[in-house]
N, C-alpha and C. Protein backbone atom coordinates (compact mmCIF):
# COMPACT_ATOMS: atom_id res chain seq x y z
N GLU A 1 101.14 103.89 80.00
CA GLU A 1 101.34 102.45 80.06
C GLU A 1 101.32 101.96 81.50
N GLY A 2 101.82 102.72 82.45
CA GLY A 2 101.80 102.28 83.83
C GLY A 2 103.17 101.94 84.35
N LEU A 3 103.19 101.59 85.61
CA LEU A 3 104.44 101.23 86.28
C LEU A 3 104.83 99.80 85.95
N SER A 4 106.12 99.58 85.87
CA SER A 4 106.60 98.21 85.72
C SER A 4 106.42 97.51 87.05
N PRO A 5 106.32 96.18 87.06
CA PRO A 5 106.18 95.45 88.33
C PRO A 5 107.28 95.77 89.34
N SER A 6 108.52 95.92 88.87
CA SER A 6 109.61 96.19 89.82
C SER A 6 109.48 97.59 90.42
N ARG A 7 109.07 98.56 89.64
CA ARG A 7 108.87 99.91 90.18
C ARG A 7 107.68 99.96 91.13
N LEU A 8 106.63 99.24 90.78
CA LEU A 8 105.46 99.19 91.66
C LEU A 8 105.83 98.53 92.99
N GLN A 9 106.62 97.47 92.92
CA GLN A 9 107.06 96.79 94.15
C GLN A 9 107.91 97.72 95.02
N THR A 10 108.79 98.49 94.40
CA THR A 10 109.61 99.45 95.13
C THR A 10 108.74 100.52 95.77
N LEU A 11 107.81 101.06 95.02
CA LEU A 11 106.91 102.09 95.53
C LEU A 11 106.06 101.56 96.69
N MET A 12 105.44 100.41 96.48
CA MET A 12 104.58 99.85 97.52
C MET A 12 105.39 99.44 98.74
N GLY A 13 106.58 98.91 98.53
CA GLY A 13 107.44 98.53 99.65
C GLY A 13 107.81 99.73 100.51
N GLY A 14 108.12 100.85 99.87
CA GLY A 14 108.42 102.07 100.61
C GLY A 14 107.23 102.58 101.38
N LEU A 15 106.05 102.53 100.76
CA LEU A 15 104.83 102.94 101.46
C LEU A 15 104.56 102.05 102.67
N VAL A 16 104.71 100.75 102.50
CA VAL A 16 104.49 99.81 103.60
C VAL A 16 105.47 100.09 104.74
N GLN A 17 106.74 100.29 104.41
CA GLN A 17 107.74 100.54 105.44
C GLN A 17 107.43 101.82 106.21
N ASP A 18 107.15 102.90 105.49
CA ASP A 18 106.88 104.17 106.17
C ASP A 18 105.53 104.17 106.89
N ALA A 19 104.55 103.47 106.36
CA ALA A 19 103.25 103.36 107.04
C ALA A 19 103.38 102.58 108.34
N SER A 20 104.32 101.68 108.39
CA SER A 20 104.50 100.83 109.57
C SER A 20 105.38 101.46 110.64
N SER A 21 106.38 102.24 110.23
CA SER A 21 107.37 102.61 111.24
C SER A 21 107.98 104.01 111.15
N HIS A 22 107.49 104.85 110.28
CA HIS A 22 108.09 106.19 110.19
C HIS A 22 107.89 106.91 111.52
N SER A 23 108.87 107.72 111.90
CA SER A 23 108.80 108.41 113.19
C SER A 23 107.75 109.52 113.23
N SER A 24 107.38 110.05 112.08
CA SER A 24 106.39 111.12 112.01
C SER A 24 104.99 110.54 111.81
N ALA A 25 104.08 110.86 112.72
CA ALA A 25 102.69 110.38 112.59
C ALA A 25 102.04 110.94 111.33
N ASN A 26 102.42 112.16 110.92
CA ASN A 26 101.86 112.73 109.69
C ASN A 26 102.26 111.92 108.47
N VAL A 27 103.52 111.54 108.39
CA VAL A 27 104.00 110.73 107.27
C VAL A 27 103.32 109.37 107.29
N ARG A 28 103.22 108.77 108.46
CA ARG A 28 102.56 107.46 108.56
C ARG A 28 101.11 107.55 108.09
N LYS A 29 100.40 108.59 108.52
CA LYS A 29 99.00 108.76 108.13
C LYS A 29 98.89 108.89 106.61
N LEU A 30 99.77 109.67 106.00
CA LEU A 30 99.75 109.84 104.55
C LEU A 30 100.01 108.51 103.83
N CYS A 31 100.99 107.76 104.30
CA CYS A 31 101.30 106.46 103.68
C CYS A 31 100.16 105.46 103.88
N ILE A 32 99.57 105.44 105.07
CA ILE A 32 98.45 104.53 105.33
C ILE A 32 97.27 104.89 104.46
N SER A 33 96.99 106.17 104.35
CA SER A 33 95.88 106.63 103.50
C SER A 33 96.11 106.24 102.04
N THR A 34 97.34 106.41 101.57
CA THR A 34 97.67 106.04 100.19
C THR A 34 97.50 104.53 99.98
N LEU A 35 97.95 103.73 100.94
CA LEU A 35 97.77 102.28 100.84
C LEU A 35 96.30 101.89 100.88
N ARG A 36 95.51 102.60 101.68
CA ARG A 36 94.08 102.32 101.76
C ARG A 36 93.41 102.60 100.41
N MET A 37 93.77 103.71 99.79
CA MET A 37 93.19 104.02 98.48
C MET A 37 93.63 103.01 97.42
N ALA A 38 94.90 102.60 97.46
CA ALA A 38 95.38 101.59 96.51
C ALA A 38 94.67 100.26 96.74
N THR A 39 94.47 99.91 98.00
CA THR A 39 93.77 98.67 98.32
C THR A 39 92.33 98.73 97.80
N ALA A 40 91.67 99.84 98.02
CA ALA A 40 90.28 99.99 97.55
C ALA A 40 90.19 99.85 96.04
N GLU A 41 91.18 100.37 95.37
CA GLU A 41 91.16 100.36 93.90
C GLU A 41 91.59 99.02 93.31
N TRP A 42 92.62 98.40 93.90
CA TRP A 42 93.27 97.27 93.25
C TRP A 42 92.92 95.90 93.78
N ILE A 43 92.64 95.75 95.06
CA ILE A 43 92.56 94.40 95.61
C ILE A 43 91.36 93.62 95.08
N SER A 44 90.32 94.31 94.67
CA SER A 44 89.16 93.59 94.14
C SER A 44 89.19 93.49 92.61
N ASP A 45 90.25 94.00 91.99
CA ASP A 45 90.39 93.94 90.54
C ASP A 45 90.95 92.58 90.15
N PRO A 46 90.12 91.73 89.50
CA PRO A 46 90.58 90.38 89.17
C PRO A 46 91.74 90.35 88.19
N THR A 47 91.99 91.42 87.46
CA THR A 47 93.08 91.42 86.49
C THR A 47 94.43 91.70 87.14
N MET A 48 94.44 92.24 88.38
CA MET A 48 95.72 92.59 89.01
C MET A 48 96.58 91.36 89.26
N GLU A 49 95.99 90.26 89.69
CA GLU A 49 96.78 89.05 89.95
C GLU A 49 97.39 88.52 88.67
N ALA A 50 96.65 88.63 87.56
CA ALA A 50 97.19 88.19 86.27
C ALA A 50 98.34 89.09 85.82
N LYS A 51 98.20 90.40 86.06
CA LYS A 51 99.24 91.35 85.67
C LYS A 51 100.46 91.26 86.58
N LEU A 52 100.20 91.06 87.86
CA LEU A 52 101.27 91.02 88.87
C LEU A 52 101.09 89.79 89.76
N PRO A 53 101.63 88.64 89.36
CA PRO A 53 101.49 87.44 90.18
C PRO A 53 101.98 87.69 91.61
N GLY A 54 101.19 87.26 92.58
CA GLY A 54 101.54 87.46 93.98
C GLY A 54 100.99 88.75 94.56
N PHE A 55 100.28 89.52 93.74
CA PHE A 55 99.77 90.82 94.19
C PHE A 55 98.80 90.68 95.36
N HIS A 56 97.86 89.76 95.25
CA HIS A 56 96.87 89.58 96.31
C HIS A 56 97.55 89.21 97.63
N THR A 57 98.51 88.31 97.57
CA THR A 57 99.25 87.90 98.77
C THR A 57 100.02 89.08 99.34
N PHE A 58 100.64 89.87 98.48
CA PHE A 58 101.36 91.06 98.95
C PHE A 58 100.41 92.00 99.67
N MET A 59 99.26 92.28 99.08
CA MET A 59 98.31 93.20 99.69
C MET A 59 97.79 92.64 101.02
N LEU A 60 97.50 91.36 101.05
CA LEU A 60 96.99 90.76 102.28
C LEU A 60 98.05 90.73 103.38
N GLN A 61 99.24 90.25 103.05
CA GLN A 61 100.28 90.07 104.06
C GLN A 61 100.98 91.38 104.43
N ARG A 62 101.43 92.12 103.44
CA ARG A 62 102.21 93.34 103.74
C ARG A 62 101.31 94.49 104.16
N VAL A 63 100.24 94.74 103.41
CA VAL A 63 99.37 95.86 103.74
C VAL A 63 98.39 95.47 104.86
N GLY A 64 97.70 94.35 104.67
CA GLY A 64 96.72 93.94 105.65
C GLY A 64 97.33 93.59 107.00
N MET A 65 98.35 92.76 106.99
CA MET A 65 98.91 92.29 108.27
C MET A 65 100.01 93.22 108.79
N GLU A 66 101.02 93.49 107.97
CA GLU A 66 102.17 94.25 108.46
C GLU A 66 101.78 95.68 108.84
N VAL A 67 101.00 96.33 107.98
CA VAL A 67 100.64 97.72 108.26
C VAL A 67 99.46 97.81 109.21
N SER A 68 98.34 97.17 108.85
CA SER A 68 97.13 97.44 109.62
C SER A 68 97.04 96.69 110.94
N ILE A 69 97.74 95.57 111.09
CA ILE A 69 97.67 94.81 112.34
C ILE A 69 98.95 94.96 113.16
N ARG A 70 100.08 94.55 112.61
CA ARG A 70 101.32 94.57 113.40
C ARG A 70 101.71 95.98 113.85
N SER A 71 101.59 96.95 112.96
CA SER A 71 101.99 98.30 113.37
C SER A 71 101.02 98.88 114.39
N ALA A 72 99.75 98.50 114.31
CA ALA A 72 98.79 98.95 115.32
C ALA A 72 99.11 98.32 116.68
N LEU A 73 99.48 97.05 116.67
CA LEU A 73 99.80 96.36 117.92
C LEU A 73 101.13 96.80 118.52
N ALA A 74 102.00 97.36 117.70
CA ALA A 74 103.32 97.78 118.18
C ALA A 74 103.22 98.94 119.17
N GLY A 75 102.15 99.68 119.10
CA GLY A 75 101.95 100.78 120.04
C GLY A 75 102.87 101.96 119.81
N SER A 76 103.37 102.12 118.60
CA SER A 76 104.31 103.20 118.33
C SER A 76 103.63 104.52 117.97
N LEU A 77 102.31 104.51 117.83
CA LEU A 77 101.58 105.75 117.58
C LEU A 77 101.01 106.25 118.90
N ASP A 78 101.29 107.49 119.21
CA ASP A 78 100.75 108.10 120.43
C ASP A 78 99.36 108.63 120.12
N THR A 79 98.34 107.90 120.51
CA THR A 79 96.97 108.31 120.20
C THR A 79 96.48 109.47 121.06
N ARG A 80 97.29 109.90 122.03
CA ARG A 80 96.96 111.11 122.80
C ARG A 80 97.29 112.35 121.99
N ASP A 81 98.15 112.18 120.99
CA ASP A 81 98.52 113.25 120.07
C ASP A 81 97.53 113.24 118.90
N ALA A 82 97.11 114.43 118.46
CA ALA A 82 96.11 114.51 117.38
C ALA A 82 96.57 113.79 116.12
N ASN A 83 97.83 113.97 115.73
CA ASN A 83 98.32 113.32 114.51
C ASN A 83 98.40 111.81 114.68
N GLY A 84 98.80 111.36 115.85
CA GLY A 84 98.82 109.93 116.12
C GLY A 84 97.43 109.33 116.09
N ALA A 85 96.46 110.05 116.64
CA ALA A 85 95.07 109.58 116.62
C ALA A 85 94.54 109.52 115.20
N LEU A 86 94.88 110.50 114.37
CA LEU A 86 94.44 110.47 112.97
C LEU A 86 95.08 109.31 112.21
N ALA A 87 96.35 109.05 112.48
CA ALA A 87 97.02 107.92 111.84
C ALA A 87 96.38 106.60 112.27
N MET A 88 96.04 106.48 113.56
CA MET A 88 95.37 105.27 114.04
C MET A 88 94.00 105.12 113.39
N GLY A 89 93.30 106.22 113.19
CA GLY A 89 92.02 106.17 112.49
C GLY A 89 92.17 105.64 111.07
N GLU A 90 93.25 106.04 110.40
CA GLU A 90 93.52 105.51 109.06
C GLU A 90 93.81 104.02 109.11
N LEU A 91 94.54 103.58 110.16
CA LEU A 91 94.81 102.14 110.31
C LEU A 91 93.51 101.36 110.45
N VAL A 92 92.60 101.87 111.26
CA VAL A 92 91.31 101.18 111.46
C VAL A 92 90.52 101.15 110.15
N ALA A 93 90.53 102.24 109.40
CA ALA A 93 89.84 102.25 108.10
C ALA A 93 90.46 101.25 107.14
N LEU A 94 91.80 101.11 107.19
CA LEU A 94 92.49 100.14 106.35
C LEU A 94 92.13 98.71 106.76
N GLN A 95 92.09 98.44 108.07
CA GLN A 95 91.69 97.12 108.55
C GLN A 95 90.29 96.76 108.04
N LYS A 96 89.38 97.69 108.16
CA LYS A 96 88.00 97.47 107.72
C LYS A 96 87.95 97.16 106.22
N LEU A 97 88.68 97.92 105.44
CA LEU A 97 88.68 97.72 104.00
C LEU A 97 89.28 96.37 103.62
N VAL A 98 90.41 96.01 104.23
CA VAL A 98 91.03 94.72 103.91
C VAL A 98 90.07 93.59 104.29
N TYR A 99 89.40 93.72 105.43
CA TYR A 99 88.42 92.70 105.82
C TYR A 99 87.28 92.63 104.80
N GLU A 100 86.77 93.77 104.37
CA GLU A 100 85.68 93.78 103.39
C GLU A 100 86.09 93.12 102.09
N ARG A 101 87.35 93.29 101.69
CA ARG A 101 87.81 92.76 100.41
C ARG A 101 88.32 91.33 100.51
N CYS A 102 88.87 90.94 101.66
CA CYS A 102 89.49 89.61 101.78
C CYS A 102 88.74 88.67 102.71
N GLY A 103 87.81 89.18 103.51
CA GLY A 103 86.96 88.38 104.36
C GLY A 103 87.69 87.43 105.29
N ASP A 104 87.26 86.16 105.28
CA ASP A 104 87.79 85.15 106.19
C ASP A 104 89.29 84.92 106.04
N GLU A 105 89.81 85.14 104.84
CA GLU A 105 91.25 84.98 104.63
C GLU A 105 92.02 85.97 105.51
N PHE A 106 91.54 87.20 105.60
CA PHE A 106 92.16 88.20 106.46
C PHE A 106 91.96 87.85 107.93
N LEU A 107 90.75 87.45 108.29
CA LEU A 107 90.48 87.09 109.68
C LEU A 107 91.36 85.94 110.14
N SER A 108 91.55 84.96 109.30
CA SER A 108 92.42 83.83 109.64
C SER A 108 93.86 84.30 109.89
N SER A 109 94.32 85.23 109.07
CA SER A 109 95.66 85.77 109.25
C SER A 109 95.77 86.54 110.57
N VAL A 110 94.73 87.31 110.90
CA VAL A 110 94.74 88.08 112.15
C VAL A 110 94.75 87.14 113.34
N VAL A 111 93.90 86.11 113.31
CA VAL A 111 93.84 85.15 114.41
C VAL A 111 95.20 84.46 114.57
N GLY A 112 95.80 84.04 113.46
CA GLY A 112 97.11 83.41 113.51
C GLY A 112 98.16 84.32 114.12
N GLU A 113 98.13 85.60 113.75
CA GLU A 113 99.07 86.58 114.31
C GLU A 113 98.86 86.74 115.81
N LEU A 114 97.61 86.84 116.24
CA LEU A 114 97.32 87.01 117.66
C LEU A 114 97.74 85.77 118.45
N GLN A 115 97.55 84.59 117.88
CA GLN A 115 97.97 83.36 118.55
C GLN A 115 99.49 83.32 118.69
N GLN A 116 100.22 83.77 117.67
CA GLN A 116 101.68 83.81 117.75
C GLN A 116 102.15 84.76 118.85
N LEU A 117 101.34 85.76 119.13
CA LEU A 117 101.68 86.71 120.19
C LEU A 117 101.22 86.24 121.56
N GLY A 118 100.67 85.02 121.61
CA GLY A 118 100.30 84.44 122.90
C GLY A 118 98.88 84.67 123.34
N HIS A 119 98.03 85.16 122.44
CA HIS A 119 96.64 85.35 122.80
C HIS A 119 95.88 84.04 122.64
N ALA A 120 94.75 83.93 123.30
CA ALA A 120 93.96 82.68 123.32
C ALA A 120 93.56 82.27 121.90
N ALA A 121 93.44 80.99 121.70
CA ALA A 121 93.08 80.43 120.40
C ALA A 121 91.65 80.73 120.02
N ASP A 122 90.81 81.09 120.97
CA ASP A 122 89.40 81.34 120.66
C ASP A 122 89.10 82.84 120.49
N VAL A 123 90.09 83.56 119.95
CA VAL A 123 89.94 85.01 119.77
C VAL A 123 88.73 85.30 118.89
């Protein structure tokens, strides 16, 4: 039958949190990879929004922005370390996938985030 919406939210929330800030680069890479696979499978499925209202927004804001943009900008992954570099590679793959699936909506969110951080409006 599948996961209930509340269990799915708990699972995805834990993945987002650990993908964004876990102290182990290996754990972060695993969580990012799992989110990337879930994004590839679910974000383009038109029935997901009907089954789980707010799903698209969650994927765009929490996975697309919080994990793939904010955590990358935080600089908490040491890319000189092999595991940190692999985790950063997963972040880049996730960014690419979210852009492919959400297009201009994702780009607008990224530009807005960069402007909030004080970057030029013509990014």
